[in-house]
Amino acid sequence: MPGFRTPRERRLWLLVAGVVLFIYASAYFVVFLLDALRTRGLLAAAIWGGVVVAAAAALAFLVRARPGRWEVALLAAAGGAYLLLLRHLQIIQERIHLIEYGLVGGLAYAALLERWPDEGAAAAAGERPPWQRWPAAWAIVIAAAAGWGDELVQAVLPNRYYDLRDVATNAEAAALLVLVLAARRKLRATAAIE
């Protein structure tokens, strides 16, 4: 990227980088925190507390935008998908990945939308370069690559290990949030036209 299109885009990419760097930097130390919580019988409560806080923050953000009925239906379906994914993850601390890489994917998606805004008729006519037509797909790729990088960092740490299932979970977490955001954006654009 030769430069940032707007100051907001710059802030969003800095947030993406900051979140990813925090995840990587904490990979060694987080084990000690998780072990301390587990020893005190607080691990499950702490993880579920983090999930509830993240869900409440997302809900507050979305409600502030006054969603329409189809958006509410989308959000209910997304909530169900998150619950299924949470239930699928057998190791409790793996549930943190849903928050981490959902955030990375969501921030990357917002940054790409800022970088490649809809230009009205030109975008509708397909005059945009092909790689700019799929910001959601690129956001998922970016977040999945960051998640894979997380596992590569863990592979060299003495108290962590590389797990291909975590790579998949990271990509799933990013994909779920980015696809919900993209569908919500499409619903809002359709509602604005009507």
C-alpha atoms as a PDB file:
ATOM      1  CA  MET A   1       0.000   0.000   0.000  1.00  0.00           C
ATOM      2  CA  PRO A   2       1.739   3.143  -1.187  1.00  0.00           C
ATOM      3  CA  GLY A   3      -0.163   5.373   1.253  1.00  0.00           C
ATOM      4  CA  PHE A   4      -3.334   5.631   3.206  1.00  0.00           C
ATOM      5  CA  ARG A   5      -6.406   6.994   1.514  1.00  0.00           C
ATOM      6  CA  THR A   6      -7.757   8.629   4.675  1.00  0.00           C
ATOM      7  CA  PRO A   7      -6.671   9.173   8.281  1.00  0.00           C
ATOM      8  CA  ARG A   8      -9.376   6.687   9.334  1.00  0.00           C
ATOM      9  CA  GLU A   9      -7.839   4.009   7.125  1.00  0.00           C
ATOM     10  CA  ARG A  10      -4.456   4.660   8.736  1.00  0.00           C
ATOM     11  CA  ARG A  11      -5.964   4.316  12.233  1.00  0.00           C
ATOM     12  CA  LEU A  12      -7.706   1.087  11.281  1.00  0.00           C
ATOM     13  CA  TRP A  13      -4.520  -0.505   9.887  1.00  0.00           C
ATOM     14  CA  LEU A  14      -2.634   0.604  13.005  1.00  0.00           C
ATOM     15  CA  LEU A  15      -5.332  -1.078  15.110  1.00  0.00           C
ATOM     16  CA  VAL A  16      -5.016  -4.263  13.049  1.00  0.00           C
ATOM     17  CA  ALA A  17      -1.242  -4.237  13.522  1.00  0.00           C
ATOM     18  CA  GLY A  18      -1.574  -3.435  17.222  1.00  0.00           C
ATOM     19  CA  VAL A  19      -4.025  -6.257  17.889  1.00  0.00           C
ATOM     20  CA  VAL A  20      -1.904  -8.771  15.960  1.00  0.00           C
ATOM     21  CA  LEU A  21       1.294  -7.662  17.688  1.00  0.00           C
ATOM     22  CA  PHE A  22      -0.417  -7.889  21.089  1.00  0.00           C
ATOM     23  CA  ILE A  23      -1.589 -11.432  20.300  1.00  0.00           C
ATOM     24  CA  TYR A  24       1.900 -12.471  19.183  1.00  0.00           C
ATOM     25  CA  ALA A  25       3.658 -10.754  22.101  1.00  0.00           C
ATOM     26  CA  SER A  26       1.346 -12.314  24.678  1.00  0.00           C
ATOM     27  CA  ALA A  27       1.586 -15.862  23.294  1.00  0.00           C
ATOM     28  CA  TYR A  28       4.295 -16.869  25.776  1.00  0.00           C
ATOM     29  CA  PHE A  29       2.872 -15.094  28.838  1.00  0.00           C
ATOM     30  CA  VAL A  30      -0.828 -15.869  28.442  1.00  0.00           C
ATOM     31  CA  VAL A  31      -0.165 -19.501  29.422  1.00  0.00           C
ATOM     32  CA  PHE A  32       0.813 -18.379  32.921  1.00  0.00           C
ATOM     33  CA  LEU A  33      -2.382 -16.350  33.287  1.00  0.00           C
ATOM     34  CA  LEU A  34      -4.524 -19.229  32.011  1.00  0.00           C
ATOM     35  CA  ASP A  35      -2.792 -21.679  34.376  1.00  0.00           C
ATOM     36  CA  ALA A  36      -3.343 -19.343  37.335  1.00  0.00           C
ATOM     37  CA  LEU A  37      -7.036 -19.001  36.458  1.00  0.00           C
ATOM     38  CA  ARG A  38      -7.349 -22.766  36.000  1.00  0.00           C
ATOM     39  CA  THR A  39      -5.687 -23.444  39.378  1.00  0.00           C
ATOM     40  CA  ARG A  40      -8.197 -21.148  41.091  1.00  0.00           C
ATOM     41  CA  GLY A  41     -11.139 -22.653  39.211  1.00  0.00           C
ATOM     42  CA  LEU A  42     -11.797 -19.374  37.375  1.00  0.00           C
ATOM     43  CA  LEU A  43     -10.758 -20.224  33.814  1.00  0.00           C
ATOM     44  CA  ALA A  44     -14.210 -21.024  32.436  1.00  0.00           C
ATOM     45  CA  ALA A  45     -15.766 -17.994  34.150  1.00  0.00           C
ATOM     46  CA  ALA A  46     -13.036 -15.684  32.846  1.00  0.00           C
ATOM     47  CA  ILE A  47     -13.344 -16.973  29.268  1.00  0.00           C
ATOM     48  CA  TRP A  48     -17.146 -16.799  29.303  1.00  0.00           C
ATOM     49  CA  GLY A  49     -16.916 -13.341  30.858  1.00  0.00           C
ATOM     50  CA  GLY A  50     -14.707 -12.200  27.978  1.00  0.00           C
ATOM     51  CA  VAL A  51     -17.126 -13.669  25.442  1.00  0.00           C
ATOM     52  CA  VAL A  52     -20.103 -11.962  27.110  1.00  0.00           C
ATOM     53  CA  VAL A  53     -18.297  -8.597  27.256  1.00  0.00           C
ATOM     54  CA  ALA A  54     -17.302  -8.868  23.568  1.00  0.00           C
ATOM     55  CA  ALA A  55     -20.859  -9.850  22.591  1.00  0.00           C
ATOM     56  CA  ALA A  56     -22.344  -6.991  24.631  1.00  0.00           C
ATOM     57  CA  ALA A  57     -19.941  -4.482  23.061  1.00  0.00           C
ATOM     58  CA  ALA A  58     -20.801  -5.725  19.557  1.00  0.00           C
ATOM     59  CA  LEU A  59     -24.522  -5.620  20.321  1.00  0.00           C
ATOM     60  CA  ALA A  60     -24.296  -2.080  21.723  1.00  0.00           C
ATOM     61  CA  PHE A  61     -22.397  -0.966  18.605  1.00  0.00           C
ATOM     62  CA  LEU A  62     -24.986  -2.526  16.303  1.00  0.00           C
ATOM     63  CA  VAL A  63     -28.060  -1.356  18.212  1.00  0.00           C
ATOM     64  CA  ARG A  64     -26.724   2.190  18.143  1.00  0.00           C
ATOM     65  CA  ALA A  65     -27.045   2.014  14.341  1.00  0.00           C
ATOM     66  CA  ARG A  66     -30.771   1.152  14.648  1.00  0.00           C
ATOM     67  CA  PRO A  67     -30.916  -2.112  12.713  1.00  0.00           C
ATOM     68  CA  GLY A  68     -33.883  -2.997  10.539  1.00  0.00           C
ATOM     69  CA  ARG A  69     -35.810  -6.265  10.881  1.00  0.00           C
ATOM     70  CA  TRP A  70     -33.629  -8.127   8.361  1.00  0.00           C
ATOM     71  CA  GLU A  71     -30.514  -6.957  10.170  1.00  0.00           C
ATOM     72  CA  VAL A  72     -31.982  -8.213  13.442  1.00  0.00           C
ATOM     73  CA  ALA A  73     -32.650 -11.580  11.776  1.00  0.00           C
ATOM     74  CA  LEU A  74     -29.069 -11.633  10.461  1.00  0.00           C
ATOM     75  CA  LEU A  75     -27.693 -10.806  13.902  1.00  0.00           C
ATOM     76  CA  ALA A  76     -29.829 -13.524  15.509  1.00  0.00           C
ATOM     77  CA  ALA A  77     -28.526 -16.056  12.973  1.00  0.00           C
ATOM     78  CA  ALA A  78     -24.957 -14.852  13.600  1.00  0.00           C
ATOM     79  CA  GLY A  79     -25.489 -15.237  17.347  1.00  0.00           C
ATOM     80  CA  GLY A  80     -26.639 -18.811  16.771  1.00  0.00           C
ATOM     81  CA  ALA A  81     -23.591 -19.514  14.605  1.00  0.00           C
ATOM     82  CA  TYR A  82     -21.300 -18.126  17.315  1.00  0.00           C
ATOM     83  CA  LEU A  83     -22.984 -20.305  19.952  1.00  0.00           C
ATOM     84  CA  LEU A  84     -22.504 -23.383  17.770  1.00  0.00           C
ATOM     85  CA  LEU A  85     -18.862 -22.505  17.192  1.00  0.00           C
ATOM     86  CA  LEU A  86     -18.329 -21.851  20.906  1.00  0.00           C
ATOM     87  CA  ARG A  87     -19.871 -25.205  21.740  1.00  0.00           C
ATOM     88  CA  HIS A  88     -17.731 -26.940  19.119  1.00  0.00           C
ATOM     89  CA  LEU A  89     -14.497 -25.717  20.739  1.00  0.00           C
ATOM     90  CA  GLN A  90     -13.726 -28.305  23.401  1.00  0.00           C
ATOM     91  CA  ILE A  91     -10.710 -26.574  24.955  1.00  0.00           C
ATOM     92  CA  ILE A  92     -12.106 -23.589  26.820  1.00  0.00           C
ATOM     93  CA  GLN A  93      -9.225 -21.190  26.125  1.00  0.00           C
ATOM     94  CA  GLU A  94      -9.605 -21.741  22.368  1.00  0.00           C
ATOM     95  CA  ARG A  95     -12.769 -19.666  22.600  1.00  0.00           C
ATOM     96  CA  ILE A  96     -10.569 -16.590  22.926  1.00  0.00           C
ATOM     97  CA  HIS A  97      -9.690 -17.075  19.243  1.00  0.00           C
ATOM     98  CA  LEU A  98     -13.240 -16.103  18.273  1.00  0.00           C
ATOM     99  CA  ILE A  99     -12.749 -12.695  19.838  1.00  0.00           C
ATOM    100  CA  GLU A 100      -9.154 -12.160  18.716  1.00  0.00           C
ATOM    101  CA  TYR A 101      -9.437 -13.084  15.070  1.00  0.00           C
ATOM    102  CA  GLY A 102     -12.976 -11.831  14.668  1.00  0.00           C
ATOM    103  CA  LEU A 103     -11.591  -8.455  15.762  1.00  0.00           C
ATOM    104  CA  VAL A 104      -8.639  -8.688  13.365  1.00  0.00           C
ATOM    105  CA  GLY A 105     -10.947  -9.616  10.478  1.00  0.00           C
ATOM    106  CA  GLY A 106     -13.484  -6.912  11.312  1.00  0.00           C
ATOM    107  CA  LEU A 107     -10.843  -4.199  11.562  1.00  0.00           C
ATOM    108  CA  ALA A 108      -9.186  -5.325   8.309  1.00  0.00           C
ATOM    109  CA  TYR A 109     -12.575  -5.292   6.579  1.00  0.00           C
ATOM    110  CA  ALA A 110     -13.281  -1.750   7.801  1.00  0.00           C
ATOM    111  CA  ALA A 111      -9.813  -0.620   6.662  1.00  0.00           C
ATOM    112  CA  LEU A 112     -10.306  -2.137   3.213  1.00  0.00           C
ATOM    113  CA  LEU A 113     -13.723  -0.504   2.858  1.00  0.00           C
ATOM    114  CA  GLU A 114     -12.075   2.801   3.706  1.00  0.00           C
ATOM    115  CA  ARG A 115      -9.320   2.140   1.161  1.00  0.00           C
ATOM    116  CA  TRP A 116     -11.661   0.931  -1.586  1.00  0.00           C
ATOM    117  CA  PRO A 117     -14.899   2.863  -1.087  1.00  0.00           C
ATOM    118  CA  ASP A 118     -17.837   2.371  -3.385  1.00  0.00           C
ATOM    119  CA  GLU A 119     -17.509   4.975  -6.088  1.00  0.00           C
ATOM    120  CA  GLY A 120     -21.137   4.833  -7.186  1.00  0.00           C
ATOM    121  CA  ALA A 121     -21.656   4.121 -10.883  1.00  0.00           C
ATOM    122  CA  ALA A 122     -18.032   3.153 -11.514  1.00  0.00           C
ATOM    123  CA  ALA A 123     -18.185   0.412  -8.897  1.00  0.00           C
ATOM    124  CA  ALA A 124     -21.579  -0.797 -10.130  1.00  0.00           C
ATOM    125  CA  ALA A 125     -20.323  -0.934 -13.717  1.00  0.00           C
ATOM    126  CA  GLY A 126     -17.438  -3.169 -12.692  1.00  0.00           C
ATOM    127  CA  GLU A 127     -14.741  -0.596 -13.508  1.00  0.00           C
ATOM    128  CA  ARG A 128     -12.924  -1.202 -10.252  1.00  0.00           C
ATOM    129  CA  PRO A 129      -9.864  -3.424 -10.374  1.00  0.00           C
ATOM    130  CA  PRO A 130     -10.807  -7.045  -9.653  1.00  0.00           C
ATOM    131  CA  TRP A 131      -8.958  -7.234  -6.316  1.00  0.00           C
ATOM    132  CA  GLN A 132     -10.984  -4.288  -5.003  1.00  0.00           C
ATOM    133  CA  ARG A 133     -14.332  -5.963  -5.588  1.00  0.00           C
ATOM    134  CA  TRP A 134     -13.992  -8.402  -2.680  1.00  0.00           C
ATOM    135  CA  PRO A 135     -12.884  -6.544   0.467  1.00  0.00           C
ATOM    136  CA  ALA A 136     -14.546  -9.181   2.670  1.00  0.00           C
ATOM    137  CA  ALA A 137     -12.525 -11.982   1.072  1.00  0.00           C
ATOM    138  CA  TRP A 138      -9.286 -10.013   1.464  1.00  0.00           C
ATOM    139  CA  ALA A 139     -10.098  -9.239   5.106  1.00  0.00           C
ATOM    140  CA  ILE A 140     -10.610 -12.947   5.774  1.00  0.00           C
ATOM    141  CA  VAL A 141      -7.311 -13.772   4.040  1.00  0.00           C
ATOM    142  CA  ILE A 142      -5.466 -11.113   6.068  1.00  0.00           C
ATOM    143  CA  ALA A 143      -6.928 -12.304   9.377  1.00  0.00           C
ATOM    144  CA  ALA A 144      -6.356 -15.976   8.508  1.00  0.00           C
ATOM    145  CA  ALA A 145      -2.729 -15.200   7.646  1.00  0.00           C
ATOM    146  CA  ALA A 146      -2.353 -13.380  10.983  1.00  0.00           C
ATOM    147  CA  GLY A 147      -3.867 -16.419  12.722  1.00  0.00           C
ATOM    148  CA  TRP A 148      -1.458 -18.742  10.954  1.00  0.00           C
ATOM    149  CA  GLY A 149       1.373 -16.429  11.986  1.00  0.00           C
ATOM    150  CA  ASP A 150       0.177 -16.755  15.585  1.00  0.00           C
ATOM    151  CA  GLU A 151       0.564 -20.511  15.365  1.00  0.00           C
ATOM    152  CA  LEU A 152       4.011 -20.152  13.783  1.00  0.00           C
ATOM    153  CA  VAL A 153       5.053 -17.955  16.715  1.00  0.00           C
ATOM    154  CA  GLN A 154       3.719 -20.584  19.108  1.00  0.00           C
ATOM    155  CA  ALA A 155       5.681 -23.299  17.295  1.00  0.00           C
ATOM    156  CA  VAL A 156       8.984 -21.752  18.435  1.00  0.00           C
ATOM    157  CA  LEU A 157       7.925 -21.041  22.029  1.00  0.00           C
ATOM    158  CA  PRO A 158       8.912 -23.583  24.697  1.00  0.00           C
ATOM    159  CA  ASN A 159       5.521 -23.523  26.431  1.00  0.00           C
ATOM    160  CA  ARG A 160       3.303 -23.525  23.313  1.00  0.00           C
ATOM    161  CA  TYR A 161       2.848 -25.721  20.261  1.00  0.00           C
ATOM    162  CA  TYR A 162       1.686 -25.426  16.662  1.00  0.00           C
ATOM    163  CA  ASP A 163      -1.869 -26.666  16.161  1.00  0.00           C
ATOM    164  CA  LEU A 164      -3.410 -26.772  12.705  1.00  0.00           C
ATOM    165  CA  ARG A 165      -6.887 -26.836  14.306  1.00  0.00           C
ATOM    166  CA  ASP A 166      -6.157 -23.415  15.810  1.00  0.00           C
ATOM    167  CA  VAL A 167      -5.217 -22.095  12.369  1.00  0.00           C
ATOM    168  CA  ALA A 168      -8.645 -23.237  11.138  1.00  0.00           C
ATOM    169  CA  THR A 169     -10.401 -21.775  14.196  1.00  0.00           C
ATOM    170  CA  ASN A 170      -8.690 -18.421  13.658  1.00  0.00           C
ATOM    171  CA  ALA A 171      -9.805 -18.355  10.017  1.00  0.00           C
ATOM    172  CA  GLU A 172     -13.349 -19.418  10.965  1.00  0.00           C
ATOM    173  CA  ALA A 173     -13.571 -16.666  13.582  1.00  0.00           C
ATOM    174  CA  ALA A 174     -12.464 -14.037  11.070  1.00  0.00           C
ATOM    175  CA  ALA A 175     -14.736 -15.372   8.334  1.00  0.00           C
ATOM    176  CA  LEU A 176     -17.798 -15.448  10.558  1.00  0.00           C
ATOM    177  CA  LEU A 177     -17.528 -11.839  11.684  1.00  0.00           C
ATOM    178  CA  VAL A 178     -16.456 -10.466   8.303  1.00  0.00           C
ATOM    179  CA  LEU A 179     -19.292 -12.266   6.495  1.00  0.00           C
ATOM    180  CA  VAL A 180     -21.815 -10.949   9.020  1.00  0.00           C
ATOM    181  CA  LEU A 181     -20.451  -7.417   8.569  1.00  0.00           C
ATOM    182  CA  ALA A 182     -20.545  -7.749   4.764  1.00  0.00           C
ATOM    183  CA  ALA A 183     -24.117  -9.105   4.816  1.00  0.00           C
ATOM    184  CA  ARG A 184     -25.183  -6.317   7.179  1.00  0.00           C
ATOM    185  CA  ARG A 185     -23.587  -3.740   4.886  1.00  0.00           C
ATOM    186  CA  LYS A 186     -25.455  -5.217   1.911  1.00  0.00           C
ATOM    187  CA  LEU A 187     -28.755  -5.140   3.834  1.00  0.00           C
ATOM    188  CA  ARG A 188     -28.221  -1.497   4.798  1.00  0.00           C
ATOM    189  CA  ALA A 189     -27.357  -0.561   1.210  1.00  0.00           C
ATOM    190  CA  THR A 190     -30.491  -2.335  -0.066  1.00  0.00           C
ATOM    191  CA  ALA A 191     -32.644  -0.616   2.566  1.00  0.00           C
ATOM    192  CA  ALA A 192     -31.217   2.772   1.585  1.00  0.00           C
ATOM    193  CA  ILE A 193     -32.190   2.196  -2.061  1.00  0.00           C
ATOM    194  CA  GLU A 194     -35.780   1.224  -1.230  1.00  0.00           C
END
